[in-house]
Amino acid sequence: MPNPDTDPGSSPRLRTLVAMPAETWSEVFTPAARDRLAAVADLLGLDSDRTGGDPADGDVADRDASGGDGTGGDASGGDATGGDASGGDASGGDATGGDATGGGGADGDAVGDRRGGGRPRLVSSFADVAGELAAAEVLLTGWGCPRITPDVLDAAPKLRAIVHAAGTIKTFVDPTVFDRGIEVSSAAAANAIPVAEFTLAAIVLAGKRAFRHRDWFRTSGAKRPLPGAPILGSLGTTVGVLGASRIGRLVLERLRDLDVTVLVSDPYLSPSEAAALGAEWCDLPTLFASSNVVTVHAPLLPETEGLVSAELLASMPDGGVLINTARGGLVDHVALERECVSGRLDAVLDVTDPEPLPLDSPLLHAPNVFVTPHIAGAMGNETTRLGDAAVAEVERLAAGHPLSHGITRDDLGRIA
């Protein structure tokens, strides 16, 4: 391997601080991904254990990368603004902060474990790795990273980039980072893939009224027909996509495989752009009034809170289905509960408001509502996509190339 200390023509190795708990490091970064990192970076903040960085008990709980970001859902997806809502990561980091003071060694002692072995020392605060923070050129962050405040940035004078191996960065990165010329990247695009897959499955299953059939079969033993079932099947139905975000666009791409009419509503999307995505652009009232299924892929912003209103839900055709893998706060849940309990609408909800729902919520017990605990985003083996995406960004930085998934200050107003 070229050594910049002895070979002036080789690429410099980036001092990269692993700023995430050991559980996240073990779950998201495969041994192969760690080897790729070690080829271009001196990894800081790892202990001397060469076993690969697994947690002591060997067990790693699945995490929801969808967005956010407590978040989940459309952590990658965009809003009705066409931006990136992705997000998706699971929690997007720990908002509790933690200063960057105390502990740590001198700059010269912070070189770390070039091989990528060992476990991250960061537990709850950047004080756990203060010496390495002072030397770091790149922060490699993930679920559970403490909040990156102005004080943390002050303690990292050499910092060039923050590469987040999950969805949203808004929950833990202070916006002042952009005033300091520090580049920021996230793996929201990688997290968008499982959310889009989940959404397509939900559209097909909801069209079959699979969840109503499940409950009917459990109690009656009869295969079919399901008494009082709305439209069955997806053939010839209309699917409305709210938000041409990262996830929204992946959903639009996958809908090409179904024999459905596709509508999309997004104020940042033109009719010609919608047509290129295989959909017809329309305004929000038309989307709801014309669609048998509406799937939500918008970020939760002050201006989008309660975007799916009682009026819009009431305008949906009888037997319509609302799918939400974005954020619960986008939907008027009082109105949604009323529509679903009446049996007029069905719903597939991976996110709710509040989240989780109270155990006595009618939405949890209605046969026409399917609620999952924020699982649409990356889980299990899917999380390694996030690590691979982050490693690719560090490799680009080391080679002097632009980031592929950079985030700017202007993006903050339209991403999750």
Protein backbone atom coordinates (compact mmCIF):
# COMPACT_ATOMS: atom_id res chain seq x y z
CA MET A 1 0.00 0.00 0.00
CA PRO A 2 1.42 3.45 -0.86
CA ASN A 3 2.70 5.34 2.14
CA PRO A 4 2.37 9.14 2.00
CA ASP A 5 5.16 9.45 4.54
CA THR A 6 7.67 7.79 2.17
CA ASP A 7 6.02 8.16 -1.24
CA PRO A 8 5.28 11.79 -2.14
CA GLY A 9 3.14 10.64 -5.08
CA SER A 10 0.68 8.64 -3.01
CA SER A 11 -2.71 9.89 -1.82
CA PRO A 12 -2.79 11.20 1.74
CA ARG A 13 -4.50 9.04 4.33
CA LEU A 14 -7.44 10.74 5.98
CA ARG A 15 -7.53 10.81 9.74
CA THR A 16 -11.07 9.53 10.24
CA LEU A 17 -12.71 9.44 13.66
CA VAL A 18 -15.25 6.65 14.08
CA ALA A 19 -17.97 8.59 15.91
CA MET A 20 -20.59 6.00 16.73
CA PRO A 21 -21.20 3.36 19.40
CA ALA A 22 -19.66 -0.08 19.01
CA GLU A 23 -23.05 -1.64 18.27
CA THR A 24 -23.58 0.60 15.25
CA TRP A 25 -20.03 0.05 13.97
CA SER A 26 -20.47 -3.71 14.19
CA GLU A 27 -23.90 -3.75 12.58
CA VAL A 28 -23.36 -1.34 9.70
CA PHE A 29 -19.73 -1.90 8.67
CA THR A 30 -18.78 -5.35 7.45
CA PRO A 31 -15.18 -6.56 7.76
CA ALA A 32 -14.78 -5.88 4.04
CA ALA A 33 -16.04 -2.31 4.49
CA ARG A 34 -13.60 -1.77 7.35
CA ASP A 35 -10.76 -3.05 5.18
CA ARG A 36 -11.72 -0.55 2.47
CA LEU A 37 -11.71 2.25 5.05
CA ALA A 38 -8.33 1.19 6.40
CA ALA A 39 -6.92 1.36 2.87
CA VAL A 40 -7.53 5.11 2.64
CA ALA A 41 -7.80 6.30 6.24
CA ASP A 42 -6.16 6.17 9.62
CA LEU A 43 -9.11 5.19 11.80
CA LEU A 44 -9.22 7.09 15.08
CA GLY A 45 -11.24 6.40 18.20
CA LEU A 46 -10.91 2.62 18.16
CA ASP A 47 -9.51 0.56 21.00
CA SER A 48 -6.69 -1.92 20.44
CA ASP A 49 -8.96 -4.97 20.15
CA ARG A 50 -8.29 -6.67 16.81
CA THR A 51 -11.37 -8.88 16.88
CA GLY A 52 -13.34 -6.75 14.47
CA GLY A 53 -15.23 -4.48 16.78
CA ASP A 54 -18.20 -6.61 17.72
CA PRO A 55 -20.03 -5.78 20.93
CA ALA A 56 -18.97 -7.79 23.90
CA ASP A 57 -22.07 -9.94 23.97
CA GLY A 58 -21.96 -10.55 20.25
CA ASP A 59 -25.57 -9.49 19.80
CA VAL A 60 -26.60 -6.48 17.81
CA ALA A 61 -30.19 -5.34 17.87
CA ASP A 62 -31.80 -4.46 14.57
CA ARG A 63 -32.16 -0.76 14.07
CA ASP A 64 -34.57 1.16 11.92
CA ALA A 65 -32.76 3.22 9.42
CA SER A 66 -35.72 4.62 7.84
CA GLY A 67 -35.58 7.61 8.60
CA GLY A 68 -34.58 9.09 10.90
CA ASP A 69 -34.21 9.42 12.60
CA GLY A 70 -36.47 8.18 15.48
CA THR A 71 -37.07 8.47 12.24
CA GLY A 72 -37.31 5.98 9.75
CA GLY A 73 -39.62 6.35 7.18
CA ASP A 74 -38.73 8.52 4.46
CA ALA A 75 -35.53 9.18 5.74
CA SER A 76 -34.48 9.42 2.36
CA GLY A 77 -37.26 10.71 0.76
CA GLY A 78 -38.25 14.22 -0.01
CA ASP A 79 -40.98 16.22 0.42
CA ALA A 80 -43.59 17.32 -1.27
CA THR A 81 -40.67 19.51 -2.02
CA GLY A 82 -38.80 17.09 -4.11
CA GLY A 83 -35.95 17.06 -1.73
CA ASP A 84 -34.46 14.30 0.27
CA ALA A 85 -36.40 13.08 3.19
CA SER A 86 -34.41 10.24 3.74
CA GLY A 87 -33.78 9.49 5.59
CA GLY A 88 -33.93 7.96 6.72
CA ASP A 89 -31.94 6.82 9.45
CA ALA A 90 -33.03 5.14 12.45
CA SER A 91 -32.50 7.72 14.98
CA GLY A 92 -30.27 10.13 13.29
CA GLY A 93 -28.11 10.49 16.28
CA ASP A 94 -28.37 11.39 19.88
CA ALA A 95 -29.66 14.86 20.49
CA THR A 96 -28.23 14.92 23.96
CA GLY A 97 -25.02 16.45 22.78
CA GLY A 98 -21.94 16.06 24.85
CA ASP A 99 -19.03 18.39 24.71
CA ALA A 100 -15.74 17.87 23.13
CA THR A 101 -13.68 18.65 26.14
CA GLY A 102 -11.58 16.53 28.39
CA GLY A 103 -9.71 13.29 27.95
CA GLY A 104 -7.78 12.23 24.93
CA GLY A 105 -4.20 12.40 23.92
CA ALA A 106 -2.16 14.75 21.87
CA ASP A 107 -2.45 15.04 18.14
CA GLY A 108 0.49 12.75 17.63
CA ASP A 109 -1.09 10.04 19.77
CA ALA A 110 -4.34 9.95 17.83
CA VAL A 111 -3.26 7.97 14.80
CA GLY A 112 -5.41 5.02 15.82
CA ASP A 113 -5.87 1.59 14.32
CA ARG A 114 -5.17 1.66 10.61
CA ARG A 115 -6.47 -1.87 10.15
CA GLY A 116 -10.02 -1.05 11.29
CA GLY A 117 -10.00 -3.58 14.11
CA GLY A 118 -11.14 -2.79 17.62
CA ARG A 119 -14.28 -1.19 18.96
CA PRO A 120 -15.17 2.50 18.94
CA ARG A 121 -14.48 4.15 22.27
CA LEU A 122 -17.18 6.76 21.84
CA VAL A 123 -20.08 5.99 24.17
CA SER A 124 -22.14 9.10 24.83
CA SER A 125 -19.97 12.17 24.34
CA PHE A 126 -17.14 13.45 22.20
CA ALA A 127 -15.27 13.86 25.48
CA ASP A 128 -14.68 10.10 25.16
CA VAL A 129 -12.44 10.74 22.14
CA ALA A 130 -11.33 14.36 22.62
CA GLY A 131 -7.73 13.81 21.56
CA GLU A 132 -8.72 12.06 18.36
CA LEU A 133 -11.34 14.71 17.67
CA ALA A 134 -8.63 17.38 17.62
CA ALA A 135 -6.74 15.41 14.97
CA ALA A 136 -9.69 14.28 12.86
CA GLU A 137 -10.13 15.35 9.26
CA VAL A 138 -13.29 13.28 8.79
CA LEU A 139 -16.03 12.31 11.23
CA LEU A 140 -17.58 8.98 10.29
CA THR A 141 -20.92 9.05 12.10
CA GLY A 142 -23.84 6.65 12.55
CA TRP A 143 -26.79 5.91 14.79
CA GLY A 144 -26.07 7.02 18.32
CA CYS A 145 -23.56 9.72 17.41
CA PRO A 146 -23.68 12.57 19.95
CA ARG A 147 -24.87 15.93 18.73
CA ILE A 148 -22.23 17.83 16.76
CA THR A 149 -22.48 21.28 18.31
CA PRO A 150 -20.44 24.43 17.66
CA ASP A 151 -18.30 23.45 20.67
CA VAL A 152 -17.56 20.09 19.09
CA LEU A 153 -16.64 21.81 15.84
CA ASP A 154 -14.36 24.22 17.73
CA ALA A 155 -12.56 21.20 19.16
CA ALA A 156 -12.05 19.76 15.66
CA PRO A 157 -9.96 22.42 13.90
CA LYS A 158 -8.80 20.06 11.15
CA LEU A 159 -12.24 18.73 10.28
CA ARG A 160 -12.98 18.66 6.54
CA ALA A 161 -16.04 16.43 6.29
CA ILE A 162 -18.80 14.61 8.16
CA VAL A 163 -19.83 11.34 6.51
CA HIS A 164 -23.00 9.89 8.04
CA ALA A 165 -23.67 6.17 7.62
CA ALA A 166 -27.42 6.59 8.02
CA GLY A 167 -30.20 8.89 6.84
CA THR A 168 -30.95 12.28 8.29
CA ILE A 169 -28.24 14.56 9.62
CA LYS A 170 -30.65 17.23 10.88
CA THR A 171 -31.19 15.64 14.29
CA PHE A 172 -27.55 15.79 15.35
CA VAL A 173 -25.51 18.13 13.12
CA ASP A 174 -25.70 21.82 13.98
CA PRO A 175 -26.32 23.94 10.84
CA THR A 176 -23.30 26.09 11.68
CA VAL A 177 -21.22 23.28 10.16
CA PHE A 178 -21.99 24.78 6.76
CA ASP A 179 -20.56 28.15 7.81
CA ARG A 180 -17.19 26.50 8.39
CA GLY A 181 -16.76 25.02 4.94
CA ILE A 182 -17.12 21.45 6.22
CA GLU A 183 -18.58 19.01 3.71
CA VAL A 184 -21.49 16.82 4.84
CA SER A 185 -22.76 13.58 3.34
CA SER A 186 -25.34 10.97 4.32
CA ALA A 187 -26.35 7.46 3.27
CA ALA A 188 -29.98 8.48 2.80
CA ALA A 189 -29.95 7.23 -0.78
CA ALA A 190 -28.93 3.76 0.37
CA ASN A 191 -31.63 3.79 3.03
CA ALA A 192 -34.23 4.75 0.42
CA ILE A 193 -33.99 1.35 -1.27
CA PRO A 194 -35.60 -0.82 1.45
CA VAL A 195 -38.26 1.84 2.09
CA ALA A 196 -39.25 1.78 -1.57
CA GLU A 197 -39.30 -2.03 -1.54
CA PHE A 198 -41.50 -2.02 1.55
CA THR A 199 -43.82 0.51 -0.07
CA LEU A 200 -44.27 -1.50 -3.25
CA ALA A 201 -45.06 -4.60 -1.20
CA ALA A 202 -47.58 -2.60 0.81
CA ILE A 203 -49.28 -1.34 -2.37
CA VAL A 204 -49.68 -4.88 -3.72
CA LEU A 205 -50.80 -6.42 -0.43
CA ALA A 206 -53.20 -3.56 0.28
CA GLY A 207 -54.72 -3.99 -3.19
CA LYS A 208 -55.39 -7.64 -2.34
CA ARG A 209 -56.89 -6.52 1.00
CA ALA A 210 -54.44 -9.00 2.50
CA PHE A 211 -54.82 -7.67 6.02
CA ARG A 212 -58.62 -7.80 5.98
CA HIS A 213 -58.41 -11.30 4.54
CA ARG A 214 -55.99 -12.36 7.25
CA ASP A 215 -58.41 -11.41 10.02
CA TRP A 216 -61.42 -12.85 8.19
CA PHE A 217 -59.65 -16.17 7.64
CA ARG A 218 -58.55 -16.34 11.27
CA THR A 219 -62.10 -16.07 12.53
CA SER A 220 -64.13 -17.76 9.80
CA GLY A 221 -61.83 -20.34 8.27
CA ALA A 222 -63.36 -19.38 4.94
CA LYS A 223 -61.00 -18.57 2.10
CA ARG A 224 -63.19 -16.07 0.29
CA PRO A 225 -65.09 -14.02 -0.60
CA LEU A 226 -64.42 -11.43 2.04
CA PRO A 227 -67.78 -9.87 2.99
CA GLY A 228 -67.95 -6.18 2.22
CA ALA A 229 -64.47 -6.03 0.68
CA PRO A 230 -63.67 -2.94 -1.39
CA ILE A 231 -61.95 -3.17 -4.77
CA LEU A 232 -59.71 -6.22 -4.94
CA GLY A 233 -56.43 -6.27 -6.85
CA SER A 234 -54.28 -3.55 -8.33
CA LEU A 235 -55.05 -3.98 -12.03
CA GLY A 236 -56.33 -0.72 -13.49
CA THR A 237 -56.21 1.17 -10.20
CA THR A 238 -54.66 4.58 -9.66
CA VAL A 239 -51.72 5.03 -7.31
CA GLY A 240 -50.88 8.52 -6.09
CA VAL A 241 -47.35 9.29 -4.93
CA LEU A 242 -47.07 12.28 -2.59
CA GLY A 243 -43.52 13.59 -2.94
CA ALA A 244 -40.94 12.99 -5.66
CA SER A 245 -38.24 12.45 -3.10
CA ARG A 246 -35.48 9.87 -3.26
CA ILE A 247 -37.90 7.26 -1.97
CA GLY A 248 -40.77 8.65 -3.99
CA ARG A 249 -38.74 8.35 -7.18
CA LEU A 250 -37.71 4.79 -6.39
CA VAL A 251 -41.37 3.94 -5.78
CA LEU A 252 -42.30 5.52 -9.11
CA GLU A 253 -39.64 3.42 -10.79
CA ARG A 254 -40.97 0.22 -9.25
CA LEU A 255 -44.57 1.04 -10.09
CA ARG A 256 -43.67 0.63 -13.77
CA ASP A 257 -43.95 -3.12 -13.16
CA LEU A 258 -47.64 -2.84 -12.20
CA ASP A 259 -50.60 -2.25 -14.49
CA VAL A 260 -51.65 0.93 -12.73
CA THR A 261 -52.11 4.60 -13.50
CA VAL A 262 -49.61 6.68 -11.54
CA LEU A 263 -50.09 10.24 -10.31
CA VAL A 264 -47.49 12.31 -8.49
CA SER A 265 -47.82 15.57 -6.57
CA ASP A 266 -44.78 17.63 -5.69
CA PRO A 267 -44.50 21.42 -5.99
CA TYR A 268 -40.84 21.13 -6.99
CA LEU A 269 -41.59 18.78 -9.87
CA SER A 270 -42.68 19.88 -13.35
CA PRO A 271 -45.22 17.99 -15.47
CA SER A 272 -42.48 17.03 -17.93
CA GLU A 273 -40.29 15.70 -15.12
CA ALA A 274 -43.24 13.72 -13.81
CA ALA A 275 -43.82 12.24 -17.25
CA ALA A 276 -40.17 11.19 -17.41
CA LEU A 277 -40.74 9.34 -14.14
CA GLY A 278 -43.69 7.50 -15.62
CA ALA A 279 -46.36 9.52 -13.84
CA GLU A 280 -48.83 12.32 -14.40
CA TRP A 281 -48.32 15.45 -12.32
CA CYS A 282 -51.30 16.83 -10.42
CA ASP A 283 -52.05 19.03 -7.43
CA LEU A 284 -52.62 17.56 -4.00
CA PRO A 285 -56.46 17.69 -3.98
CA THR A 286 -56.57 15.92 -7.35
CA LEU A 287 -54.11 13.28 -6.15
CA PHE A 288 -56.29 12.30 -3.22
CA ALA A 289 -59.61 12.55 -5.02
CA SER A 290 -58.39 10.43 -7.95
CA SER A 291 -56.25 7.73 -6.29
CA ASN A 292 -57.26 4.33 -5.00
CA VAL A 293 -53.95 4.22 -3.13
CA VAL A 294 -51.96 7.22 -1.86
CA THR A 295 -48.42 6.62 -0.62
CA VAL A 296 -46.71 9.39 1.36
CA HIS A 297 -43.04 10.27 0.77
CA ALA A 298 -42.57 13.77 2.15
CA PRO A 299 -40.35 15.10 4.93
CA LEU A 300 -41.87 16.43 8.13
CA LEU A 301 -41.25 20.17 8.10
CA PRO A 302 -43.19 22.99 9.79
CA GLU A 303 -45.01 23.63 6.51
CA THR A 304 -45.84 19.93 5.92
CA GLU A 305 -47.12 19.05 9.38
CA GLY A 306 -50.67 17.76 9.00
CA LEU A 307 -50.33 17.96 5.22
CA VAL A 308 -52.63 14.94 4.78
CA SER A 309 -55.68 16.68 6.21
CA ALA A 310 -59.17 15.53 7.09
CA GLU A 311 -60.43 17.16 3.89
CA LEU A 312 -57.96 15.27 1.71
CA LEU A 313 -58.72 11.96 3.40
CA ALA A 314 -62.46 12.57 3.02
CA SER A 315 -61.97 13.16 -0.70
CA MET A 316 -60.45 9.72 -1.32
CA PRO A 317 -62.68 7.18 -3.07
CA ASP A 318 -64.46 4.64 -0.87
CA GLY A 319 -62.13 1.70 -0.29
CA GLY A 320 -59.04 3.87 -0.72
CA VAL A 321 -55.76 3.04 0.97
CA LEU A 322 -53.31 5.41 2.65
CA ILE A 323 -49.72 4.19 3.00
CA ASN A 324 -47.31 6.16 5.17
CA THR A 325 -43.63 5.24 5.47
CA ALA A 326 -42.52 8.85 5.91
CA ARG A 327 -43.46 10.61 9.18
CA GLY A 328 -46.54 10.26 11.32
CA GLY A 329 -46.89 14.00 11.79
CA LEU A 330 -47.66 14.46 8.10
CA VAL A 331 -51.11 12.94 8.63
CA ASP A 332 -54.13 14.09 10.65
CA HIS A 333 -54.41 10.90 12.70
CA VAL A 334 -57.72 11.83 14.28
CA ALA A 335 -59.26 12.07 10.83
CA LEU A 336 -57.47 8.93 9.63
CA GLU A 337 -58.73 6.95 12.62
CA ARG A 338 -62.27 8.09 11.91
CA GLU A 339 -62.06 7.07 8.25
CA CYS A 340 -60.51 3.67 9.01
CA VAL A 341 -62.76 2.75 11.94
CA SER A 342 -65.76 3.45 9.73
CA GLY A 343 -64.34 0.98 7.23
CA ARG A 344 -64.31 3.51 4.42
CA LEU A 345 -60.52 3.65 4.09
CA ASP A 346 -57.72 1.18 4.72
CA ALA A 347 -54.23 2.13 5.88
CA VAL A 348 -50.70 0.73 6.04
CA LEU A 349 -48.73 2.71 8.59
CA ASP A 350 -45.05 2.22 9.32
CA VAL A 351 -45.01 5.57 11.14
CA THR A 352 -47.66 7.12 13.36
CA ASP A 353 -48.39 10.15 15.48
CA PRO A 354 -47.71 9.58 18.29
CA GLU A 355 -45.12 6.90 17.79
CA PRO A 356 -45.69 4.37 19.14
CA LEU A 357 -49.48 4.50 19.30
CA PRO A 358 -51.18 3.86 22.64
CA LEU A 359 -51.96 0.17 23.01
CA ASP A 360 -55.69 0.92 23.04
CA SER A 361 -55.58 2.89 19.79
CA PRO A 362 -58.31 1.71 17.39
CA LEU A 363 -55.76 1.86 14.59
CA LEU A 364 -53.88 -1.04 16.19
CA HIS A 365 -56.97 -3.23 16.28
CA ALA A 366 -58.89 -2.38 13.12
CA PRO A 367 -58.79 -5.26 10.59
CA ASN A 368 -58.30 -2.82 7.72
CA VAL A 369 -55.24 -1.13 9.23
CA PHE A 370 -51.77 -2.65 9.23
CA VAL A 371 -49.32 -0.96 11.60
CA THR A 372 -45.62 -1.80 11.75
CA PRO A 373 -43.06 -0.39 14.21
CA HIS A 374 -41.02 1.82 11.89
CA ILE A 375 -39.32 -1.02 10.04
CA ALA A 376 -39.44 0.18 6.42
CA GLY A 377 -35.90 1.55 6.48
CA ALA A 378 -32.73 -0.49 6.57
CA MET A 379 -32.69 -3.34 9.06
CA GLY A 380 -30.52 -6.41 9.54
CA ASN A 381 -28.42 -7.17 6.49
CA GLU A 382 -29.84 -4.11 4.71
CA THR A 383 -27.89 -1.82 7.04
CA THR A 384 -24.60 -2.82 5.44
CA ARG A 385 -25.66 -0.79 2.38
CA LEU A 386 -25.36 2.28 4.60
CA GLY A 387 -21.84 1.39 5.64
CA ASP A 388 -20.80 0.67 2.06
CA ALA A 389 -22.22 4.03 0.94
CA ALA A 390 -20.31 5.86 3.67
CA VAL A 391 -17.06 4.05 2.84
CA ALA A 392 -17.45 5.04 -0.82
CA GLU A 393 -17.73 8.69 0.24
CA VAL A 394 -14.55 8.48 2.32
CA GLU A 395 -12.79 6.89 -0.64
CA ARG A 396 -13.94 9.78 -2.84
CA LEU A 397 -12.60 12.30 -0.34
CA ALA A 398 -9.27 10.48 -0.16
CA ALA A 399 -9.00 10.53 -3.95
CA GLY A 400 -9.85 14.22 -4.13
CA HIS A 401 -13.21 13.62 -5.83
CA PRO A 402 -16.52 15.35 -4.99
CA LEU A 403 -18.96 13.64 -2.64
CA SER A 404 -21.77 11.79 -4.39
CA HIS A 405 -24.34 12.43 -1.68
CA GLY A 406 -23.36 15.81 -0.33
CA ILE A 407 -25.80 17.95 1.63
CA THR A 408 -25.83 21.75 1.53
CA ARG A 409 -27.42 24.37 3.76
CA ASP A 410 -30.06 24.96 1.09
CA ASP A 411 -31.11 21.30 1.34
CA LEU A 412 -32.05 21.63 5.01
CA GLY A 413 -35.38 23.27 4.22
CA ARG A 414 -36.59 20.34 2.16
CA ILE A 415 -35.12 17.18 3.63
CA ALA A 416 -36.15 15.17 6.63
